[in-house]
């Protein structure tokens, strides 16, 4: 497997297996989107994320081990209160916006409790497809 310069990490210390679950969903093709708070990025980080549109990126786990490659199809903004349906579907929630919101409240409140999710919270969305899995 080729390891690309651009990487996207899934998982963090004490994530209770969430990172590995997300990587397995990417590999299976059921997870085709991810998002984060716009405010969590510096200007340089945001520029870096936007620069990956139309490029291949290597997904690494919390230990930095390459697990698969994805192709970044699109990057855009949406709000938490009215999320783009491509994000909701790509996160594996089909058309269920309320499930998407509930799942993200639980996950993000555990890691970003000082930054509560509001309806107008801007999310940066990455849409992708898995193109290669590590051996």
N, C-alpha and C. Protein backbone atom coordinates (compact mmCIF):
# COMPACT_ATOMS: atom_id res chain seq x y z
N UNK A 1 0.85 -1.18 0.00
CA UNK A 1 0.00 0.00 0.00
C UNK A 1 0.88 1.24 0.00
N UNK A 2 0.57 2.17 -0.86
CA UNK A 2 1.26 3.46 -0.88
C UNK A 2 0.82 4.25 0.34
N UNK A 3 1.77 4.91 1.01
CA UNK A 3 1.44 5.81 2.12
C UNK A 3 1.62 7.23 1.61
N UNK A 4 0.55 8.00 1.64
CA UNK A 4 0.58 9.36 1.12
C UNK A 4 1.03 10.36 2.17
N UNK A 5 1.50 11.49 1.68
CA UNK A 5 1.97 12.57 2.56
C UNK A 5 0.84 13.05 3.47
N UNK A 6 -0.34 13.20 2.90
CA UNK A 6 -1.49 13.64 3.68
C UNK A 6 -2.09 12.45 4.42
N UNK A 7 -2.34 12.63 5.71
CA UNK A 7 -2.94 11.57 6.52
C UNK A 7 -4.15 12.09 7.26
N UNK A 8 -5.00 11.18 7.64
CA UNK A 8 -6.17 11.47 8.46
C UNK A 8 -6.19 10.44 9.58
N UNK A 9 -6.11 10.92 10.82
CA UNK A 9 -6.05 10.01 11.97
C UNK A 9 -7.44 9.76 12.53
N UNK A 10 -7.73 8.49 12.76
CA UNK A 10 -8.97 8.10 13.41
C UNK A 10 -8.61 7.37 14.70
N UNK A 11 -9.04 7.91 15.82
CA UNK A 11 -8.76 7.34 17.12
C UNK A 11 -7.92 8.26 17.97
N UNK A 12 -7.99 8.04 19.27
CA UNK A 12 -7.24 8.83 20.23
C UNK A 12 -7.09 8.00 21.49
N UNK A 13 -6.15 8.40 22.35
CA UNK A 13 -5.96 7.67 23.60
C UNK A 13 -7.27 7.58 24.35
N UNK A 14 -7.53 6.43 24.92
CA UNK A 14 -8.74 6.20 25.72
C UNK A 14 -10.03 6.44 24.93
N UNK A 15 -10.03 6.06 23.64
CA UNK A 15 -11.24 6.24 22.82
C UNK A 15 -12.21 5.06 22.92
N UNK A 16 -11.87 4.08 23.78
CA UNK A 16 -12.74 2.92 23.98
C UNK A 16 -13.06 2.18 22.68
N UNK A 17 -12.11 2.17 21.75
CA UNK A 17 -12.30 1.43 20.51
C UNK A 17 -13.02 2.16 19.40
N UNK A 18 -13.40 3.41 19.64
CA UNK A 18 -14.15 4.16 18.62
C UNK A 18 -13.32 4.33 17.35
N UNK A 19 -12.04 4.68 17.51
CA UNK A 19 -11.19 4.87 16.33
C UNK A 19 -11.12 3.63 15.46
N UNK A 20 -10.91 2.48 16.08
CA UNK A 20 -10.85 1.22 15.32
C UNK A 20 -12.19 0.92 14.66
N UNK A 21 -13.29 1.17 15.36
CA UNK A 21 -14.61 0.96 14.78
C UNK A 21 -14.79 1.84 13.53
N UNK A 22 -14.38 3.10 13.62
CA UNK A 22 -14.51 4.01 12.48
C UNK A 22 -13.66 3.55 11.30
N UNK A 23 -12.43 3.11 11.58
CA UNK A 23 -11.56 2.62 10.51
C UNK A 23 -12.19 1.40 9.84
N UNK A 24 -12.75 0.48 10.62
CA UNK A 24 -13.39 -0.69 10.04
C UNK A 24 -14.59 -0.29 9.18
N UNK A 25 -15.32 0.74 9.58
CA UNK A 25 -16.45 1.23 8.78
C UNK A 25 -15.95 1.85 7.47
N UNK A 26 -14.82 2.55 7.52
CA UNK A 26 -14.24 3.12 6.29
C UNK A 26 -13.85 2.00 5.35
N UNK A 27 -13.16 1.00 5.87
CA UNK A 27 -12.71 -0.13 5.05
C UNK A 27 -13.90 -0.87 4.44
N UNK A 28 -14.97 -1.01 5.21
CA UNK A 28 -16.18 -1.70 4.73
C UNK A 28 -16.99 -0.85 3.75
N UNK A 29 -16.69 0.45 3.68
CA UNK A 29 -17.41 1.35 2.79
C UNK A 29 -18.68 1.92 3.36
N UNK A 30 -18.95 1.66 4.64
CA UNK A 30 -20.17 2.19 5.26
C UNK A 30 -19.96 3.60 5.82
N UNK A 31 -18.72 3.98 6.05
CA UNK A 31 -18.40 5.34 6.48
C UNK A 31 -17.70 6.03 5.32
N UNK A 32 -18.36 7.05 4.78
CA UNK A 32 -17.82 7.78 3.64
C UNK A 32 -17.76 9.28 3.91
N UNK A 33 -17.88 9.65 5.18
CA UNK A 33 -17.81 11.06 5.56
C UNK A 33 -17.30 11.18 6.98
N UNK A 34 -16.69 12.30 7.26
CA UNK A 34 -16.29 12.64 8.61
C UNK A 34 -16.40 14.14 8.76
N UNK A 35 -16.45 14.61 9.99
CA UNK A 35 -16.57 16.04 10.21
C UNK A 35 -15.94 16.43 11.54
N UNK A 36 -15.69 17.71 11.68
CA UNK A 36 -15.18 18.25 12.93
C UNK A 36 -15.61 19.71 13.03
N UNK A 37 -15.49 20.25 14.25
CA UNK A 37 -15.79 21.66 14.48
C UNK A 37 -14.87 22.54 13.64
N UNK A 38 -15.40 23.53 12.98
CA UNK A 38 -14.55 24.49 12.26
C UNK A 38 -13.62 25.18 13.24
N UNK A 39 -14.13 25.50 14.44
CA UNK A 39 -13.32 26.21 15.43
C UNK A 39 -12.17 25.37 16.00
N UNK A 40 -12.17 24.06 15.75
CA UNK A 40 -11.09 23.21 16.24
C UNK A 40 -9.83 23.33 15.38
N UNK A 41 -9.95 23.96 14.21
CA UNK A 41 -8.83 24.10 13.28
C UNK A 41 -8.20 25.47 13.37
N UNK A 42 -6.87 25.52 13.25
CA UNK A 42 -6.20 26.79 13.02
C UNK A 42 -6.39 27.12 11.53
N UNK A 43 -6.06 28.32 11.13
CA UNK A 43 -6.18 28.69 9.71
C UNK A 43 -5.33 27.78 8.86
N UNK A 44 -4.10 27.50 9.28
CA UNK A 44 -3.22 26.62 8.51
C UNK A 44 -3.78 25.20 8.42
N UNK A 45 -4.34 24.69 9.52
CA UNK A 45 -4.93 23.35 9.51
C UNK A 45 -6.12 23.29 8.56
N UNK A 46 -6.93 24.34 8.58
CA UNK A 46 -8.10 24.39 7.71
C UNK A 46 -7.67 24.44 6.24
N UNK A 47 -6.65 25.25 5.95
CA UNK A 47 -6.11 25.30 4.59
C UNK A 47 -5.61 23.93 4.16
N UNK A 48 -4.95 23.21 5.08
CA UNK A 48 -4.43 21.88 4.78
C UNK A 48 -5.57 20.91 4.46
N UNK A 49 -6.63 20.95 5.26
CA UNK A 49 -7.78 20.06 5.00
C UNK A 49 -8.37 20.35 3.63
N UNK A 50 -8.62 21.62 3.33
CA UNK A 50 -9.20 21.97 2.03
C UNK A 50 -8.29 21.59 0.87
N UNK A 51 -6.98 21.58 1.09
CA UNK A 51 -6.04 21.25 0.02
C UNK A 51 -6.10 19.77 -0.38
N UNK A 52 -6.72 18.93 0.45
CA UNK A 52 -6.77 17.50 0.13
C UNK A 52 -7.92 17.13 -0.81
N UNK A 53 -8.80 18.06 -1.11
CA UNK A 53 -9.91 17.76 -2.02
C UNK A 53 -9.35 17.30 -3.37
N UNK A 54 -9.85 16.14 -3.84
CA UNK A 54 -9.40 15.59 -5.10
C UNK A 54 -8.09 14.82 -5.00
N UNK A 55 -7.68 14.52 -3.78
CA UNK A 55 -6.40 13.83 -3.58
C UNK A 55 -6.60 12.56 -2.75
N UNK A 56 -5.58 11.71 -2.79
CA UNK A 56 -5.55 10.51 -1.96
C UNK A 56 -4.93 10.84 -0.61
N UNK A 57 -5.50 10.26 0.45
CA UNK A 57 -5.06 10.48 1.82
C UNK A 57 -4.95 9.12 2.50
N UNK A 58 -3.94 8.95 3.33
CA UNK A 58 -3.78 7.71 4.08
C UNK A 58 -4.45 7.84 5.44
N UNK A 59 -5.31 6.90 5.77
CA UNK A 59 -5.94 6.84 7.08
C UNK A 59 -5.00 6.09 8.01
N UNK A 60 -4.68 6.72 9.15
CA UNK A 60 -3.84 6.08 10.16
C UNK A 60 -4.63 5.92 11.44
N UNK A 61 -4.25 4.92 12.23
CA UNK A 61 -4.91 4.74 13.52
C UNK A 61 -4.22 5.61 14.57
N UNK A 62 -4.66 5.51 15.80
CA UNK A 62 -4.13 6.38 16.87
C UNK A 62 -2.66 6.14 17.15
N UNK A 63 -2.11 5.05 16.63
CA UNK A 63 -0.68 4.75 16.80
C UNK A 63 0.14 5.19 15.59
N UNK A 64 -0.53 5.80 14.60
CA UNK A 64 0.15 6.25 13.39
C UNK A 64 0.35 5.16 12.35
N UNK A 65 -0.29 4.02 12.53
CA UNK A 65 -0.15 2.90 11.60
C UNK A 65 -1.11 3.10 10.42
N UNK A 66 -0.59 3.10 9.18
CA UNK A 66 -1.45 3.23 8.00
C UNK A 66 -2.40 2.05 7.88
N UNK A 67 -3.68 2.33 7.66
CA UNK A 67 -4.68 1.28 7.60
C UNK A 67 -5.37 1.18 6.24
N UNK A 68 -5.55 2.33 5.59
CA UNK A 68 -6.17 2.32 4.26
C UNK A 68 -5.93 3.68 3.62
N UNK A 69 -6.24 3.75 2.33
CA UNK A 69 -6.19 5.02 1.61
C UNK A 69 -7.59 5.39 1.19
N UNK A 70 -7.86 6.68 1.24
CA UNK A 70 -9.15 7.20 0.81
C UNK A 70 -8.92 8.29 -0.23
N UNK A 71 -9.92 8.50 -1.07
CA UNK A 71 -9.90 9.59 -2.03
C UNK A 71 -10.88 10.64 -1.53
N UNK A 72 -10.42 11.87 -1.34
CA UNK A 72 -11.27 12.95 -0.83
C UNK A 72 -12.08 13.52 -1.99
N UNK A 73 -13.37 13.28 -1.96
CA UNK A 73 -14.25 13.70 -3.05
C UNK A 73 -14.72 15.14 -2.90
N UNK A 74 -14.98 15.58 -1.67
CA UNK A 74 -15.47 16.94 -1.46
C UNK A 74 -15.20 17.36 -0.03
N UNK A 75 -15.08 18.66 0.17
CA UNK A 75 -14.93 19.26 1.50
C UNK A 75 -15.80 20.50 1.51
N UNK A 76 -16.62 20.62 2.55
CA UNK A 76 -17.53 21.76 2.62
C UNK A 76 -17.96 22.01 4.06
N UNK A 77 -18.64 23.13 4.27
CA UNK A 77 -19.17 23.49 5.58
C UNK A 77 -20.65 23.15 5.64
N UNK A 78 -21.10 22.82 6.84
CA UNK A 78 -22.52 22.65 7.12
C UNK A 78 -22.71 22.99 8.59
N UNK A 79 -23.94 23.07 9.05
CA UNK A 79 -24.17 23.34 10.46
C UNK A 79 -24.64 22.07 11.17
N UNK A 80 -24.39 22.02 12.46
CA UNK A 80 -24.81 20.87 13.25
C UNK A 80 -26.34 20.78 13.31
N UNK A 81 -27.01 21.92 13.38
CA UNK A 81 -28.47 21.93 13.50
C UNK A 81 -29.19 21.55 12.23
N UNK A 82 -28.56 21.76 11.08
CA UNK A 82 -29.15 21.42 9.79
C UNK A 82 -28.07 20.80 8.91
N UNK A 83 -27.59 19.61 9.30
CA UNK A 83 -26.46 19.01 8.58
C UNK A 83 -26.82 18.58 7.17
N UNK A 84 -25.88 18.75 6.27
CA UNK A 84 -26.03 18.30 4.89
C UNK A 84 -26.32 16.79 4.91
N UNK A 85 -27.27 16.37 4.12
CA UNK A 85 -27.68 14.96 4.11
C UNK A 85 -26.56 14.02 3.65
N UNK A 86 -25.62 14.54 2.85
CA UNK A 86 -24.48 13.70 2.43
C UNK A 86 -23.62 13.34 3.63
N UNK A 87 -23.51 14.25 4.58
CA UNK A 87 -22.75 13.98 5.80
C UNK A 87 -23.47 12.93 6.63
N UNK A 88 -24.76 13.14 6.85
CA UNK A 88 -25.55 12.21 7.68
C UNK A 88 -25.48 10.80 7.10
N UNK A 89 -25.68 10.68 5.79
CA UNK A 89 -25.61 9.37 5.13
C UNK A 89 -24.20 8.80 5.23
N UNK A 90 -23.19 9.62 4.99
CA UNK A 90 -21.80 9.16 5.01
C UNK A 90 -21.31 8.75 6.38
N UNK A 91 -21.95 9.25 7.42
CA UNK A 91 -21.62 8.85 8.79
C UNK A 91 -22.34 7.56 9.17
N UNK A 92 -23.14 7.02 8.24
CA UNK A 92 -23.81 5.75 8.47
C UNK A 92 -25.19 5.86 9.10
N UNK A 93 -25.74 7.07 9.09
CA UNK A 93 -27.04 7.28 9.73
C UNK A 93 -28.19 7.37 8.73
N UNK A 94 -27.94 7.05 7.47
CA UNK A 94 -28.99 7.10 6.45
C UNK A 94 -29.58 8.49 6.34
N UNK A 95 -30.86 8.61 6.59
CA UNK A 95 -31.55 9.91 6.54
C UNK A 95 -31.87 10.43 7.95
N UNK A 96 -31.40 9.74 8.98
CA UNK A 96 -31.77 10.04 10.36
C UNK A 96 -30.89 11.14 10.97
N UNK A 97 -31.28 12.38 10.76
CA UNK A 97 -30.52 13.53 11.26
C UNK A 97 -30.45 13.51 12.78
N UNK A 98 -31.54 13.15 13.45
CA UNK A 98 -31.55 13.13 14.91
C UNK A 98 -30.55 12.11 15.46
N UNK A 99 -30.43 10.95 14.82
CA UNK A 99 -29.45 9.94 15.25
C UNK A 99 -28.04 10.48 15.06
N UNK A 100 -27.78 11.10 13.92
CA UNK A 100 -26.48 11.71 13.66
C UNK A 100 -26.14 12.71 14.77
N UNK A 101 -27.09 13.59 15.09
CA UNK A 101 -26.85 14.61 16.12
C UNK A 101 -26.62 13.98 17.49
N UNK A 102 -27.42 13.00 17.85
CA UNK A 102 -27.27 12.34 19.15
C UNK A 102 -25.92 11.63 19.26
N UNK A 103 -25.55 10.88 18.22
CA UNK A 103 -24.27 10.18 18.22
C UNK A 103 -23.10 11.15 18.38
N UNK A 104 -23.17 12.27 17.68
CA UNK A 104 -22.08 13.24 17.74
C UNK A 104 -22.07 14.02 19.05
N UNK A 105 -23.23 14.27 19.62
CA UNK A 105 -23.25 14.90 20.95
C UNK A 105 -22.52 14.01 21.96
N UNK A 106 -22.85 12.72 21.94
CA UNK A 106 -22.21 11.79 22.88
C UNK A 106 -20.71 11.73 22.68
N UNK A 107 -20.28 11.56 21.44
CA UNK A 107 -18.85 11.42 21.15
C UNK A 107 -18.09 12.71 21.44
N UNK A 108 -18.63 13.83 21.01
CA UNK A 108 -17.90 15.09 21.16
C UNK A 108 -17.97 15.64 22.56
N UNK A 109 -19.05 15.42 23.27
CA UNK A 109 -19.11 15.91 24.65
C UNK A 109 -18.07 15.23 25.52
N UNK A 110 -17.73 13.98 25.17
CA UNK A 110 -16.70 13.26 25.94
C UNK A 110 -15.31 13.80 25.67
N UNK A 111 -15.08 14.35 24.47
CA UNK A 111 -13.74 14.80 24.11
C UNK A 111 -13.61 16.32 24.03
N UNK A 112 -14.71 17.02 23.80
CA UNK A 112 -14.65 18.47 23.61
C UNK A 112 -15.72 19.15 24.45
N UNK A 113 -15.82 18.76 25.70
CA UNK A 113 -16.87 19.25 26.59
C UNK A 113 -16.91 20.75 26.76
N UNK A 114 -15.78 21.42 26.56
CA UNK A 114 -15.75 22.87 26.73
C UNK A 114 -16.30 23.61 25.52
N UNK A 115 -16.68 22.88 24.48
CA UNK A 115 -17.18 23.48 23.25
C UNK A 115 -18.49 22.78 22.86
N UNK A 116 -19.59 23.18 23.50
CA UNK A 116 -20.85 22.46 23.27
C UNK A 116 -21.36 22.62 21.84
N UNK A 117 -22.04 21.61 21.37
CA UNK A 117 -22.65 21.65 20.04
C UNK A 117 -23.92 22.47 20.08
N UNK A 118 -23.99 23.45 19.21
CA UNK A 118 -25.16 24.30 19.09
C UNK A 118 -25.70 24.12 17.66
N UNK A 119 -26.93 24.51 17.41
CA UNK A 119 -27.49 24.38 16.07
C UNK A 119 -26.67 25.12 15.03
N UNK A 120 -26.05 26.26 15.42
CA UNK A 120 -25.28 27.04 14.46
C UNK A 120 -23.78 26.69 14.45
N UNK A 121 -23.39 25.64 15.18
CA UNK A 121 -22.00 25.20 15.16
C UNK A 121 -21.65 24.77 13.73
N UNK A 122 -20.58 25.36 13.21
CA UNK A 122 -20.15 25.05 11.84
C UNK A 122 -19.24 23.83 11.86
N UNK A 123 -19.57 22.88 11.00
CA UNK A 123 -18.80 21.67 10.84
C UNK A 123 -18.07 21.69 9.50
N UNK A 124 -16.86 21.20 9.48
CA UNK A 124 -16.12 20.99 8.23
C UNK A 124 -16.27 19.51 7.88
N UNK A 125 -16.79 19.26 6.71
CA UNK A 125 -17.12 17.90 6.27
C UNK A 125 -16.14 17.45 5.20
N UNK A 126 -15.70 16.20 5.32
CA UNK A 126 -14.89 15.57 4.30
C UNK A 126 -15.65 14.35 3.79
N UNK A 127 -15.97 14.33 2.50
CA UNK A 127 -16.59 13.17 1.87
C UNK A 127 -15.50 12.39 1.15
N UNK A 128 -15.51 11.07 1.28
CA UNK A 128 -14.43 10.26 0.72
C UNK A 128 -14.92 8.87 0.36
N UNK A 129 -14.04 8.14 -0.32
CA UNK A 129 -14.28 6.72 -0.56
C UNK A 129 -12.97 5.98 -0.36
N UNK A 130 -13.08 4.77 0.17
CA UNK A 130 -11.90 3.95 0.40
C UNK A 130 -11.43 3.39 -0.95
N UNK A 131 -10.12 3.52 -1.19
CA UNK A 131 -9.59 3.06 -2.47
C UNK A 131 -8.56 1.94 -2.33
N UNK A 132 -8.02 1.75 -1.10
CA UNK A 132 -7.00 0.72 -0.90
C UNK A 132 -6.89 0.42 0.59
N UNK A 133 -6.74 -0.86 0.91
CA UNK A 133 -6.62 -1.29 2.29
C UNK A 133 -5.22 -1.86 2.49
N UNK A 134 -4.63 -1.57 3.69
CA UNK A 134 -3.29 -2.10 3.95
C UNK A 134 -3.37 -3.62 4.13
N UNK A 135 -2.26 -4.25 3.87
CA UNK A 135 -2.22 -5.71 3.94
C UNK A 135 -1.93 -6.18 5.33
